[in-house]
Amino acid sequence: MSKGIVTTIFYLCSVVLCQDNLLRHILNNDKIYFDSLINNPKYDIKIIYTQINRNKDNEPSFKTNKLNADPKNYFYPASTVKLPACVFALEKINNLNIDGLNKFTFLRIDSSYKGQIAVKFDTTTLSHFPTIANYIKKILLVSDNDAFNRLYEFIGQKEFNEKLWEYGFTNSKINHRLSFNLSEKENRNTNKFTFFNNSGIIYEQPAKYSDIKYIFQLNNTKRGIGFYSGNNLIKQPKDFSELNYFSLEDQHEFIKRLFFHEGNQKLNFDLTFSDYDFLYKHMGIFPRECTEPIYDEKEYWDSYVKFFIYGDSKNKIPTHVRIFNKVGEAYGFLIDNAYIVDFENGVEFLLSAVIHVNKNGIYNDDKYEYEEIGFPFLARLGKTIYDFELKRPKKFLPDLSRLNSLFK
């Protein structure tokens, strides 16, 4: 049988399987392991996988499979909310359209309301001044919480959510900073920003208050049997209903649109070519490859924020494999949302997943089974999908040269 016929048969089988859940078929290659977790409701596993096929002009088409994904079933999104913050901060700079104002412009942040913290210097930059660009780098390279909080403050709570909803990400709400114990009202208030250069002030953004109303009907917002508030154990389920939400469907579509934005212009992000390359590069490089900021390889290993395929190891990741992603880790929820490519073998696919590991049902006790169950699951899931994609015949291999050039 000729290679062309084999490829055609495989492709047609993939189409049929996609209609009858290709994802489940792939996971059946490791059925005992995956069934033991996926069929156990306590892990609340959700998976979305998108297969990408190219035509002769390198134009992509997509086939998406979901497992247990429902945008109305709540999970805590943790640091995955940081990716839209990076995009919307860049959009805001572009929309302001002020001479001398860009992502590299120096800035200072004032304390404008109760609980806020001012920022004048940033010793991780060569200039020792904060910039939007450096905050984005910190987010994408090591998932820095303070960096997210600063972008949240720059964008503004109201504008952040209106942007999400305007783009169709309606199963999401971002209403608080991270790792920062502020009240609901304090999170509505955001700081004053001043952008400047050696000649003086370029732009001043006053402190803001968000009057946005959140009306979300979500399932499973009360979790567990107890939680710690300070040193006190509260023996009742933890209520997540007023915390951030970024549904897995919205996360998956967000990263898909970030990398495949040649479609509906109305839905495209307002980013420049250089903005896209800046995001792609810092989503894809490892902390050891960054020169500003500089990260200690022993503290920030390659898979520090790369959970799929490699999250169960601290070994170096081969540089021909790049995982453009944003992870989340909090309250026992472990999440990865990624566009994964292998430049040498012409592999590309989109994968998003969440698992909940909190055996004792207590929150804020720092007893979560990340190492025992969470990281191994996401790594094994990524490897299983990658191995399938590695063997899957493709009529046309993707031209990934633009992305690959960012790492030369």
Protein backbone atom coordinates (compact mmCIF):
# COMPACT_ATOMS: atom_id res chain seq x y z
CA MET A 1 0.00 0.00 0.00
CA SER A 2 1.39 3.41 -0.95
CA LYS A 3 2.35 6.03 1.65
CA GLY A 4 -0.27 8.41 0.20
CA ILE A 5 -3.07 5.88 0.67
CA VAL A 6 -1.95 5.15 4.24
CA THR A 7 -1.92 8.88 5.01
CA THR A 8 -5.41 9.31 3.54
CA ILE A 9 -6.81 6.38 5.52
CA PHE A 10 -5.25 7.67 8.74
CA TYR A 11 -6.63 11.15 8.10
CA LEU A 12 -10.15 9.85 7.40
CA CYS A 13 -10.01 7.70 10.54
CA SER A 14 -8.93 10.77 12.52
CA VAL A 15 -11.95 12.70 11.22
CA VAL A 16 -14.31 9.90 12.26
CA LEU A 17 -12.66 9.55 15.64
CA CYS A 18 -12.81 13.30 16.18
CA GLN A 19 -16.57 13.13 15.74
CA ASP A 20 -16.67 10.20 18.16
CA ASN A 21 -14.18 11.68 20.61
CA LEU A 22 -10.66 11.36 19.32
CA LEU A 23 -9.37 12.53 22.69
CA ARG A 24 -10.88 9.55 24.50
CA HIS A 25 -9.43 7.25 21.84
CA ILE A 26 -5.92 8.66 22.36
CA LEU A 27 -6.12 8.38 26.14
CA ASN A 28 -7.19 4.75 25.81
CA ASN A 29 -3.57 4.03 24.88
CA ASP A 30 -2.95 4.44 28.62
CA LYS A 31 -6.47 3.53 29.66
CA ILE A 32 -5.92 2.19 33.18
CA TYR A 33 -3.95 5.25 34.29
CA PHE A 34 -6.18 7.91 32.76
CA ASP A 35 -9.46 6.20 33.67
CA SER A 36 -8.37 5.96 37.31
CA LEU A 37 -8.16 9.76 37.45
CA ILE A 38 -10.68 10.98 34.88
CA ASN A 39 -13.45 8.73 36.21
CA ASN A 40 -12.87 9.89 39.78
CA PRO A 41 -15.02 13.02 40.32
CA LYS A 42 -12.81 14.32 43.15
CA TYR A 43 -10.12 15.23 40.60
CA ASP A 44 -12.65 17.21 38.52
CA ILE A 45 -10.50 16.79 35.40
CA LYS A 46 -11.31 18.85 32.31
CA ILE A 47 -9.42 18.55 29.00
CA ILE A 48 -9.61 20.34 25.66
CA TYR A 49 -7.43 19.20 22.74
CA THR A 50 -7.28 20.81 19.30
CA GLN A 51 -5.74 19.04 16.34
CA ILE A 52 -4.28 21.35 13.68
CA ASN A 53 -4.08 20.51 9.99
CA ARG A 54 -2.46 22.72 7.36
CA ASN A 55 -3.22 23.04 3.67
CA LYS A 56 -0.67 23.64 0.89
CA ASP A 57 -0.68 27.38 1.71
CA ASN A 58 0.05 26.65 5.39
CA GLU A 59 -3.46 27.77 6.36
CA PRO A 60 -4.67 25.92 9.49
CA SER A 61 -7.92 24.11 10.16
CA PHE A 62 -8.92 22.90 13.60
CA LYS A 63 -10.66 19.90 15.14
CA THR A 64 -11.40 20.26 18.83
CA ASN A 65 -12.28 17.55 21.35
CA LYS A 66 -13.41 18.13 24.93
CA LEU A 67 -13.61 15.90 27.96
CA ASN A 68 -15.77 16.98 30.92
CA ALA A 69 -15.39 20.63 29.91
CA ASP A 70 -18.38 22.79 30.81
CA PRO A 71 -17.95 26.57 31.16
CA LYS A 72 -20.54 26.68 33.94
CA ASN A 73 -18.65 24.26 36.20
CA TYR A 74 -16.31 26.40 38.30
CA PHE A 75 -12.65 25.84 39.04
CA TYR A 76 -10.20 28.39 40.41
CA PRO A 77 -8.09 29.64 37.45
CA ALA A 78 -5.10 30.78 39.53
CA SER A 79 -2.32 32.29 37.39
CA THR A 80 -3.92 31.51 34.02
CA VAL A 81 -5.63 34.94 34.28
CA LYS A 82 -2.21 36.51 33.73
CA LEU A 83 -2.10 35.81 30.00
CA PRO A 84 -5.00 38.15 29.10
CA ALA A 85 -3.42 40.73 31.41
CA CYS A 86 -0.29 40.67 29.25
CA VAL A 87 -2.30 41.05 26.05
CA PHE A 88 -4.62 43.77 27.33
CA ALA A 89 -1.76 45.82 28.80
CA LEU A 90 -0.13 45.89 25.35
CA GLU A 91 -3.46 46.71 23.74
CA LYS A 92 -3.98 49.60 26.11
CA ILE A 93 -0.60 51.12 25.24
CA ASN A 94 -1.39 50.79 21.54
CA ASN A 95 -4.84 52.34 21.95
CA LEU A 96 -3.46 55.31 23.89
CA ASN A 97 -1.26 56.05 20.86
CA ILE A 98 0.97 58.57 22.65
CA ASP A 99 4.38 59.52 21.30
CA GLY A 100 7.12 58.00 23.44
CA LEU A 101 4.76 55.59 25.22
CA ASN A 102 5.47 51.92 24.61
CA LYS A 103 5.96 48.71 26.55
CA PHE A 104 9.56 49.67 27.36
CA THR A 105 8.74 53.13 28.76
CA PHE A 106 9.75 53.73 32.39
CA LEU A 107 6.92 53.99 34.88
CA ARG A 108 6.13 54.51 38.54
CA ILE A 109 3.06 53.41 40.46
CA ASP A 110 1.52 55.42 43.28
CA SER A 111 -0.38 54.23 46.32
CA SER A 112 -3.80 55.76 45.77
CA TYR A 113 -6.11 53.79 48.08
CA LYS A 114 -6.09 51.66 51.21
CA GLY A 115 -3.99 48.50 50.82
CA GLN A 116 -2.15 49.65 47.70
CA ILE A 117 1.62 49.57 47.36
CA ALA A 118 3.68 52.12 45.46
CA VAL A 119 6.51 51.15 43.10
CA LYS A 120 9.35 53.43 42.04
CA PHE A 121 12.19 51.06 41.21
CA ASP A 122 12.69 47.56 39.83
CA THR A 123 16.15 46.13 40.38
CA THR A 124 15.50 43.29 37.90
CA THR A 125 15.76 45.73 34.97
CA LEU A 126 19.01 47.21 33.66
CA SER A 127 17.60 50.72 34.14
CA HIS A 128 16.25 49.85 37.63
CA PHE A 129 12.88 51.31 36.56
CA PRO A 130 9.70 49.25 36.10
CA THR A 131 8.26 48.77 32.62
CA ILE A 132 5.21 47.00 31.22
CA ALA A 133 7.54 44.83 29.15
CA ASN A 134 9.43 43.61 32.21
CA TYR A 135 6.21 42.82 34.08
CA ILE A 136 5.09 40.74 31.08
CA LYS A 137 8.42 38.91 31.01
CA LYS A 138 8.13 38.07 34.71
CA ILE A 139 4.63 36.72 34.19
CA LEU A 140 5.45 34.56 31.20
CA LEU A 141 8.81 33.28 32.46
CA VAL A 142 8.09 32.52 36.13
CA SER A 143 4.42 33.49 36.69
CA ASP A 144 5.22 36.39 39.02
CA ASN A 145 2.15 37.43 41.07
CA ASP A 146 3.25 41.01 41.74
CA ALA A 147 3.80 41.55 38.02
CA PHE A 148 0.21 40.46 37.34
CA ASN A 149 -1.10 42.78 40.04
CA ARG A 150 0.67 45.72 38.39
CA LEU A 151 -0.82 44.95 34.98
CA TYR A 152 -4.25 44.51 36.60
CA GLU A 153 -3.82 47.97 38.10
CA PHE A 154 -2.71 49.49 34.80
CA ILE A 155 -5.58 47.98 32.82
CA GLY A 156 -8.21 48.60 35.50
CA GLN A 157 -10.71 46.05 36.77
CA LYS A 158 -13.60 47.34 34.68
CA GLU A 159 -11.59 47.62 31.46
CA PHE A 160 -10.07 44.16 32.02
CA ASN A 161 -13.47 42.48 32.13
CA GLU A 162 -15.06 44.56 29.41
CA LYS A 163 -12.21 43.56 27.12
CA LEU A 164 -12.74 39.88 27.86
CA TRP A 165 -16.46 40.08 27.24
CA GLU A 166 -16.07 42.24 24.14
CA TYR A 167 -13.88 39.54 22.61
CA GLY A 168 -16.44 36.87 23.44
CA PHE A 169 -14.82 35.43 26.57
CA THR A 170 -18.08 35.66 28.49
CA ASN A 171 -17.45 32.81 30.92
CA SER A 172 -14.74 34.75 32.71
CA LYS A 173 -14.39 37.42 35.37
CA ILE A 174 -11.21 38.93 36.80
CA ASN A 175 -12.02 40.88 39.93
CA HIS A 176 -9.04 40.62 42.27
CA ARG A 177 -5.28 40.76 42.54
CA LEU A 178 -3.31 37.60 43.40
CA SER A 179 -1.65 36.68 46.72
CA PHE A 180 -2.76 40.03 48.09
CA ASN A 181 -5.42 40.04 50.79
CA LEU A 182 -7.64 42.97 49.80
CA SER A 183 -11.37 43.51 50.19
CA GLU A 184 -13.78 43.47 47.27
CA LYS A 185 -13.88 47.29 47.31
CA GLU A 186 -10.10 47.60 47.55
CA ASN A 187 -9.74 45.41 44.47
CA ARG A 188 -12.11 47.73 42.58
CA ASN A 189 -9.68 50.60 43.17
CA THR A 190 -6.54 50.71 41.04
CA ASN A 191 -3.43 52.84 41.37
CA LYS A 192 -2.21 55.95 39.61
CA PHE A 193 0.43 55.31 36.91
CA THR A 194 3.00 57.75 35.57
CA PHE A 195 5.08 56.99 32.47
CA PHE A 196 8.25 59.02 31.90
CA ASN A 197 11.59 59.26 30.17
CA ASN A 198 14.73 61.31 30.77
CA SER A 199 12.95 64.40 29.46
CA GLY A 200 9.97 64.19 31.78
CA ILE A 201 6.43 62.82 32.06
CA ILE A 202 4.92 61.21 28.95
CA TYR A 203 1.56 60.07 30.30
CA GLU A 204 -0.30 60.05 33.62
CA GLN A 205 -3.17 57.69 34.33
CA PRO A 206 -5.21 58.67 37.37
CA ALA A 207 -6.34 56.25 40.04
CA LYS A 208 -9.55 54.47 39.04
CA TYR A 209 -12.61 52.87 40.62
CA SER A 210 -14.54 50.08 38.91
CA ASP A 211 -18.33 50.12 39.16
CA ILE A 212 -18.76 46.90 37.21
CA LYS A 213 -21.40 44.40 38.32
CA TYR A 214 -20.68 40.67 38.27
CA ILE A 215 -23.63 38.36 37.61
CA PHE A 216 -22.42 34.80 37.15
CA GLN A 217 -24.38 31.60 37.72
CA LEU A 218 -21.75 28.91 38.17
CA ASN A 219 -21.82 25.39 39.57
CA ASN A 220 -19.44 23.95 42.17
CA THR A 221 -18.38 27.27 43.68
CA LYS A 222 -18.48 25.80 47.20
CA ARG A 223 -15.71 23.27 47.72
CA GLY A 224 -14.31 20.98 50.38
CA ILE A 225 -15.11 20.63 54.07
CA GLY A 226 -13.10 23.49 55.52
CA PHE A 227 -10.51 26.22 55.05
CA TYR A 228 -8.01 28.20 57.07
CA SER A 229 -8.48 31.90 57.69
CA GLY A 230 -5.20 32.91 59.25
CA ASN A 231 -4.54 30.26 61.87
CA ASN A 232 -8.20 29.43 62.33
CA LEU A 233 -9.83 26.40 60.69
CA ILE A 234 -13.33 27.23 59.47
CA LYS A 235 -15.27 23.97 59.27
CA GLN A 236 -17.43 24.71 56.26
CA PRO A 237 -16.93 24.58 52.48
CA LYS A 238 -14.85 27.34 50.93
CA ASP A 239 -16.92 29.70 48.81
CA PHE A 240 -15.17 30.60 45.53
CA SER A 241 -18.12 32.52 44.06
CA GLU A 242 -16.50 35.95 44.47
CA LEU A 243 -13.07 34.92 43.20
CA ASN A 244 -11.65 35.08 39.69
CA TYR A 245 -12.93 32.78 36.95
CA PHE A 246 -11.46 32.01 33.53
CA SER A 247 -13.23 29.00 32.02
CA LEU A 248 -11.12 26.35 30.31
CA GLU A 249 -13.04 26.99 27.08
CA ASP A 250 -12.15 30.69 27.24
CA GLN A 251 -8.52 29.91 28.08
CA HIS A 252 -8.25 27.52 25.15
CA GLU A 253 -9.86 29.94 22.71
CA PHE A 254 -7.71 32.80 24.01
CA ILE A 255 -4.41 31.07 23.30
CA LYS A 256 -5.72 29.76 19.98
CA ARG A 257 -6.66 33.27 18.91
CA LEU A 258 -3.31 34.61 20.10
CA PHE A 259 -1.42 32.31 17.75
CA PHE A 260 -3.95 32.00 14.93
CA HIS A 261 -5.25 35.52 14.40
CA GLU A 262 -5.68 35.70 10.64
CA GLY A 263 -9.46 35.30 10.82
CA ASN A 264 -12.22 37.71 11.87
CA GLN A 265 -10.56 41.11 12.23
CA LYS A 266 -13.18 42.18 14.78
CA LEU A 267 -12.04 39.42 17.12
CA ASN A 268 -8.31 39.95 16.63
CA PHE A 269 -6.30 41.49 19.44
CA ASP A 270 -5.09 45.04 18.84
CA LEU A 271 -1.42 44.10 18.85
CA THR A 272 1.47 44.99 16.58
CA PHE A 273 3.68 42.45 14.81
CA SER A 274 6.42 43.17 17.36
CA ASP A 275 3.93 42.71 20.24
CA TYR A 276 3.07 39.24 18.99
CA ASP A 277 6.73 38.30 18.64
CA PHE A 278 7.48 39.68 22.11
CA LEU A 279 4.70 37.54 23.62
CA TYR A 280 5.59 34.45 21.62
CA LYS A 281 9.27 34.65 22.54
CA HIS A 282 8.72 35.05 26.26
CA MET A 283 5.98 32.43 26.36
CA GLY A 284 8.37 30.00 24.69
CA ILE A 285 11.81 30.58 26.21
CA PHE A 286 13.03 29.01 29.44
CA PRO A 287 14.05 31.16 32.42
CA ARG A 288 17.72 30.28 31.83
CA GLU A 289 17.50 31.83 28.35
CA CYS A 290 16.40 35.24 29.61
CA THR A 291 19.01 37.98 30.16
CA GLU A 292 16.69 40.60 31.68
CA PRO A 293 15.54 39.63 34.26
CA ILE A 294 18.17 37.01 35.10
CA TYR A 295 16.92 33.80 36.72
CA ASP A 296 18.87 31.19 38.66
CA GLU A 297 18.55 27.91 36.77
CA LYS A 298 18.53 25.92 40.01
CA GLU A 299 15.53 27.84 41.32
CA TYR A 300 13.73 28.23 37.99
CA TRP A 301 14.30 25.07 35.96
CA ASP A 302 13.03 24.65 32.38
CA SER A 303 9.69 23.10 33.35
CA TYR A 304 9.05 25.52 36.23
CA VAL A 305 6.00 26.82 34.36
CA LYS A 306 5.78 24.09 31.68
CA PHE A 307 3.54 21.36 33.12
CA PHE A 308 2.61 19.46 29.94
CA ILE A 309 5.10 16.75 28.85
CA TYR A 310 7.90 17.86 31.21
CA GLY A 311 6.19 18.94 34.44
CA ASP A 312 7.24 15.81 36.34
CA SER A 313 10.97 16.46 35.80
CA LYS A 314 13.56 19.17 36.43
CA ASN A 315 15.70 18.09 33.50
CA LYS A 316 16.39 20.45 30.61
CA ILE A 317 13.79 20.51 27.84
CA PRO A 318 15.11 19.99 24.28
CA THR A 319 15.16 23.37 22.56
CA HIS A 320 13.41 22.15 19.40
CA VAL A 321 10.28 21.65 21.51
CA ARG A 322 8.62 24.88 22.60
CA ILE A 323 5.57 25.14 24.83
CA PHE A 324 3.83 28.50 24.51
CA ASN A 325 1.61 28.46 27.54
CA LYS A 326 0.29 29.82 30.81
CA VAL A 327 -0.07 27.64 33.88
CA GLY A 328 -2.00 28.01 37.11
CA GLU A 329 -1.42 26.50 40.55
CA ALA A 330 -3.50 27.36 43.64
CA TYR A 331 -5.98 25.82 46.09
CA GLY A 332 -5.16 22.37 44.72
CA PHE A 333 -6.10 23.36 41.16
CA LEU A 334 -3.36 22.68 38.63
CA ILE A 335 -3.86 24.02 35.10
CA ASP A 336 -1.95 24.30 31.85
CA ASN A 337 -3.10 25.97 28.65
CA ALA A 338 -0.67 25.60 25.76
CA TYR A 339 0.21 25.69 22.10
CA ILE A 340 2.90 23.03 21.75
CA VAL A 341 5.28 22.75 18.80
CA ASP A 342 8.20 20.56 17.77
CA PHE A 343 10.19 22.37 15.09
CA GLU A 344 12.23 19.30 14.09
CA ASN A 345 9.27 16.98 13.59
CA GLY A 346 6.59 19.37 12.37
CA VAL A 347 4.33 18.83 15.38
CA GLU A 348 1.81 21.39 16.62
CA PHE A 349 -1.34 21.15 18.74
CA LEU A 350 -3.33 23.02 21.37
CA LEU A 351 -4.00 21.47 24.77
CA SER A 352 -5.69 22.76 27.93
CA ALA A 353 -6.41 20.84 31.11
CA VAL A 354 -7.17 21.23 34.80
CA ILE A 355 -6.98 18.77 37.69
CA HIS A 356 -7.98 19.34 41.33
CA VAL A 357 -5.84 17.65 44.01
CA ASN A 358 -7.01 18.31 47.56
CA LYS A 359 -7.42 14.93 49.26
CA ASN A 360 -8.34 16.21 52.73
CA GLY A 361 -10.84 18.80 51.46
CA ILE A 362 -9.17 21.60 53.46
CA TYR A 363 -8.04 24.79 51.73
CA ASN A 364 -5.15 27.08 52.69
CA ASP A 365 -3.34 24.31 54.59
CA ASP A 366 -0.73 23.88 51.80
CA LYS A 367 -1.49 20.15 51.68
CA TYR A 368 -2.18 19.50 48.03
CA GLU A 369 -1.07 16.48 45.99
CA TYR A 370 0.68 18.45 43.26
CA GLU A 371 3.87 16.36 43.24
CA GLU A 372 2.19 12.99 43.75
CA ILE A 373 -0.73 13.33 41.32
CA GLY A 374 -1.08 16.75 39.67
CA PHE A 375 2.26 17.27 37.90
CA PRO A 376 2.55 13.61 36.81
CA PHE A 377 -0.97 13.75 35.33
CA LEU A 378 -0.39 16.88 33.26
CA ALA A 379 3.03 15.64 32.12
CA ARG A 380 1.64 12.25 31.11
CA LEU A 381 -1.34 13.83 29.37
CA GLY A 382 0.98 16.11 27.37
CA LYS A 383 3.29 13.20 26.48
CA THR A 384 0.39 11.03 25.35
CA ILE A 385 -1.02 13.69 23.03
CA TYR A 386 2.48 14.60 21.80
CA ASP A 387 3.31 10.96 21.01
CA PHE A 388 0.07 10.66 19.04
CA GLU A 389 0.81 13.84 17.11
CA LEU A 390 4.41 12.73 16.47
CA LYS A 391 3.15 9.58 14.69
CA ARG A 392 0.15 11.16 12.98
CA PRO A 393 0.72 11.47 9.21
CA LYS A 394 0.09 14.94 7.84
CA LYS A 395 -0.61 15.81 4.25
CA PHE A 396 1.24 19.11 4.71
CA LEU A 397 3.75 19.78 7.46
CA PRO A 398 3.36 23.16 9.15
CA ASP A 399 5.71 25.98 8.29
CA LEU A 400 6.75 27.18 11.75
CA SER A 401 9.74 29.21 10.61
CA ARG A 402 8.51 32.51 12.02
CA LEU A 403 8.20 31.06 15.51
CA ASN A 404 11.44 29.15 15.19
CA SER A 405 13.32 32.32 14.22
CA LEU A 406 12.54 33.83 17.63
CA PHE A 407 14.84 31.31 19.30
CA LYS A 408 17.86 31.59 17.01
